[in-house]
Protein backbone atom coordinates (compact mmCIF):
# COMPACT_ATOMS: atom_id res chain seq x y z
CA UNK A 1 0.38 0.30 0.11
CA UNK A 2 1.34 3.47 -0.93
CA UNK A 3 1.56 6.51 1.38
CA UNK A 4 -1.55 8.39 -0.17
CA UNK A 5 -3.84 4.95 -0.37
CA UNK A 6 -3.12 4.83 3.26
CA UNK A 7 -3.46 8.46 4.08
CA UNK A 8 -7.06 8.09 2.20
CA UNK A 9 -7.74 5.46 4.31
CA UNK A 10 -7.09 7.47 7.46
CA UNK A 11 -9.38 10.08 6.18
CA UNK A 12 -11.89 7.87 5.39
CA UNK A 13 -12.35 6.06 8.77
CA UNK A 14 -11.60 9.48 10.50
CA UNK A 15 -14.07 11.63 8.98
CA UNK A 16 -17.07 10.85 10.42
CA UNK A 17 -15.47 11.37 13.91
CA UNK A 18 -14.65 14.63 12.86
CA UNK A 19 -17.62 15.52 11.03
CA UNK A 20 -19.29 15.22 14.74
CA UNK A 21 -16.86 17.29 16.17
CA UNK A 22 -17.32 19.84 13.83
CA UNK A 23 -13.94 19.14 12.47
CA UNK A 24 -12.01 20.47 15.49
CA UNK A 25 -10.33 18.91 17.95
CA UNK A 26 -13.00 20.49 20.40
CA UNK A 27 -14.81 17.80 22.71
CA UNK A 28 -18.68 18.11 21.57
CA UNK A 29 -20.79 19.70 24.00
CA UNK A 30 -23.21 17.82 26.39
CA UNK A 31 -25.61 19.36 28.20
CA UNK A 32 -25.56 18.66 31.84
CA UNK A 33 -28.39 16.27 33.64
CA UNK A 34 -29.33 19.61 35.03
CA UNK A 35 -29.07 21.91 32.46
CA UNK A 36 -33.38 21.63 32.71
CA UNK A 37 -33.20 22.91 36.02
CA UNK A 38 -31.77 26.11 35.07
CA UNK A 39 -35.14 27.69 33.99
CA UNK A 40 -36.46 27.02 37.63
CA UNK A 41 -38.32 29.66 39.65
CA UNK A 42 -36.49 27.66 42.44
CA UNK A 43 -33.54 26.07 41.12
CA UNK A 44 -33.37 22.81 43.67
CA UNK A 45 -37.20 22.35 43.55
CA UNK A 46 -39.30 21.22 40.59
CA UNK A 47 -42.54 22.58 40.30
CA UNK A 48 -44.08 19.13 40.86
CA UNK A 49 -42.26 18.94 44.70
CA UNK A 50 -43.61 23.01 44.98
CA UNK A 51 -47.29 21.85 43.93
CA UNK A 52 -47.13 18.98 46.42
CA UNK A 53 -45.53 20.63 49.30
CA UNK A 54 -48.50 23.76 48.68
CA UNK A 55 -51.38 20.66 48.60
CA UNK A 56 -49.71 19.37 51.77
CA UNK A 57 -49.49 16.13 49.95
CA UNK A 58 -46.99 13.19 51.67
CA UNK A 59 -44.05 12.65 49.50
CA UNK A 60 -42.94 9.71 50.89
CA UNK A 61 -41.94 11.41 54.24
CA UNK A 62 -43.98 9.58 56.58
CA UNK A 63 -42.84 6.24 55.16
CA UNK A 64 -40.96 5.51 59.04
CA UNK A 65 -44.72 5.32 60.71
CA UNK A 66 -46.40 3.73 57.51
CA UNK A 67 -44.14 1.13 57.18
CA UNK A 68 -44.04 0.34 61.15
CA UNK A 69 -47.91 -0.10 61.74
CA UNK A 70 -48.85 3.44 61.92
CA UNK A 71 -51.13 4.14 59.11
CA UNK A 72 -52.30 7.90 57.59
CA UNK A 73 -55.72 8.99 57.72
CA UNK A 74 -55.63 9.11 53.43
CA UNK A 75 -55.13 5.30 53.49
CA UNK A 76 -57.26 4.19 56.37
CA UNK A 77 -60.35 6.48 54.57
CA UNK A 78 -59.19 4.53 51.32
CA UNK A 79 -59.74 1.09 52.99
CA UNK A 80 -62.86 2.55 55.29
CA UNK A 81 -64.76 -0.15 54.33
CA UNK A 82 -62.51 -3.26 54.39
CA UNK A 83 -61.60 -1.93 57.50
CA UNK A 84 -64.80 -1.60 58.94
CA UNK A 85 -64.57 1.65 60.37
CA UNK A 86 -67.19 3.31 62.59
CA UNK A 87 -68.91 6.28 61.61
CA UNK A 88 -67.21 8.44 64.62
CA UNK A 89 -63.66 6.74 63.22
CA UNK A 90 -64.34 7.97 59.82
CA UNK A 91 -65.19 11.40 61.12
CA UNK A 92 -62.15 11.69 62.92
CA UNK A 93 -60.13 10.47 60.09
CA UNK A 94 -61.59 13.44 58.01
CA UNK A 95 -61.00 15.83 60.63
CA UNK A 96 -57.25 14.39 60.69
CA UNK A 97 -56.95 14.63 57.30
CA UNK A 98 -57.90 17.82 56.61
CA UNK A 99 -55.90 19.46 59.66
CA UNK A 100 -52.86 17.64 58.45
CA UNK A 101 -52.92 18.96 54.75
CA UNK A 102 -53.72 22.22 56.00
CA UNK A 103 -50.66 22.39 58.31
CA UNK A 104 -48.24 20.63 56.16
CA UNK A 105 -49.24 23.16 53.43
CA UNK A 106 -48.47 26.05 55.85
CA UNK A 107 -44.73 24.61 56.70
CA UNK A 108 -44.59 23.65 52.88
CA UNK A 109 -44.77 27.30 51.99
CA UNK A 110 -42.41 27.87 54.68
CA UNK A 111 -39.91 25.76 53.39
CA UNK A 112 -40.76 26.52 49.88
CA UNK A 113 -39.68 30.55 50.82
CA UNK A 114 -36.40 28.98 52.49
CA UNK A 115 -34.99 27.52 49.70
CA UNK A 116 -36.30 30.87 46.99
CA UNK A 117 -34.40 32.69 49.90
CA UNK A 118 -30.96 30.34 49.11
CA UNK A 119 -31.64 30.28 45.66
CA UNK A 120 -31.60 33.88 45.71
CA UNK A 121 -28.02 34.18 47.70
CA UNK A 122 -26.41 32.48 45.07
CA UNK A 123 -28.04 34.46 41.81
CA UNK A 124 -27.95 37.53 43.34
CA UNK A 125 -23.95 36.78 44.07
CA UNK A 126 -24.58 37.23 47.66
CA UNK A 127 -23.92 33.73 48.63
CA UNK A 128 -21.00 33.58 51.65
CA UNK A 129 -20.23 30.59 53.63
CA UNK A 130 -22.19 32.48 56.59
CA UNK A 131 -25.16 32.98 55.28
CA UNK A 132 -25.50 29.47 53.15
CA UNK A 133 -25.16 27.92 56.63
CA UNK A 134 -27.65 30.07 57.87
CA UNK A 135 -30.46 29.63 54.69
CA UNK A 136 -29.56 25.72 54.85
CA UNK A 137 -30.23 25.44 58.74
CA UNK A 138 -33.98 27.14 57.70
CA UNK A 139 -34.26 24.84 55.30
CA UNK A 140 -33.48 21.93 57.67
CA UNK A 141 -36.15 23.09 60.08
CA UNK A 142 -38.81 23.63 57.78
CA UNK A 143 -38.18 20.63 55.67
CA UNK A 144 -38.55 18.98 59.74
CA UNK A 145 -41.38 20.61 59.82
CA UNK A 146 -43.46 19.56 57.25
CA UNK A 147 -42.38 15.89 57.56
CA UNK A 148 -42.86 15.89 61.31
CA UNK A 149 -46.27 17.23 60.63
CA UNK A 150 -47.34 14.05 58.58
CA UNK A 151 -45.67 11.77 60.90
CA UNK A 152 -47.68 13.08 63.81
CA UNK A 153 -50.58 12.50 61.90
CA UNK A 154 -50.18 9.00 61.54
CA UNK A 155 -49.38 8.75 65.32
CA UNK A 156 -52.84 10.01 66.05
CA UNK A 157 -54.45 7.89 63.08
CA UNK A 158 -53.18 4.60 65.16
CA UNK A 159 -54.46 5.92 68.17
CA UNK A 160 -58.04 6.24 66.39
CA UNK A 161 -57.61 2.62 64.86
CA UNK A 162 -58.09 -0.77 66.73
CA UNK A 163 -54.60 -3.58 66.18
CA UNK A 164 -57.16 -5.65 64.29
CA UNK A 165 -57.55 -2.36 61.48
CA UNK A 166 -53.79 -1.73 61.51
CA UNK A 167 -52.94 -5.18 60.66
CA UNK A 168 -55.89 -5.37 58.41
CA UNK A 169 -54.96 -1.98 57.00
CA UNK A 170 -51.06 -3.56 56.41
CA UNK A 171 -52.43 -6.05 54.78
CA UNK A 172 -54.27 -4.54 52.20
CA UNK A 173 -51.10 -2.18 51.73
CA UNK A 174 -49.25 -4.89 51.10
CA UNK A 175 -46.57 -4.91 54.06
CA UNK A 176 -47.56 -7.90 55.61
CA UNK A 177 -49.23 -11.02 54.75
CA UNK A 178 -52.39 -11.79 55.60
CA UNK A 179 -53.03 -14.93 57.89
């Protein structure tokens, strides 16, 4: 094989790779996985997370209770017939659920505002180690408050149910086998 033939073969093999990179030796620009988050109002929170917090939804925050025999009012009410809830239990569970959603939404709004403040520190180029420590401590406290609302409601729910209803609830939810 002559040298021009070797060079032609090399160019034929290399041209698709060169074309991908625009003929330069610069790596191709790839979007970072966080790129879509750059357009968010609060960079660290998705619109769905904000909506869930504002609605007082559980978002798995009470799994420590739920998976350890402390049902929440919503799931107990979903299985009202199978659990044979009394009218008084239903009314109490409705009251608990309404209060939980209200209190969780209030706490959730405080968490959203705390995240907004942290975002603002960075967006406004005002972030310092001290301001970040303060802002993240506030976020931690507000997140704990949201979670506590849900967990405490699970404690109150369990107190309204009989042991048999708790066992049946766990069976219906697939947490334990019947029998």
